[in-house]
């Protein structure tokens, strides 16, 4: 007997969270040096970015080309002539 598709893979339902808990935000701000420990107010915590969008389409192609060009240039500079 097979398992119903809705009961399969609980981990498939878990995606990237877009909101951090207060403790997670404070840890991240403290790591960046932006948290003032004397201020314990519930309000007024700065926003913390949680994820970054990946470049796609023309922008991704341009970034890849620039990176490849830079890496190729680095390899040529590092070669010794005999």
Foldseek 3Di string as FASTA:
>chain_A
DDDDPVPPDPVVVDDQDFDDDPVVLQVVCVVVVNDDPVDPDPPDRDDDGRDDDDDDDPVVVVVVVVVVVVVVVVVVVPDDDD
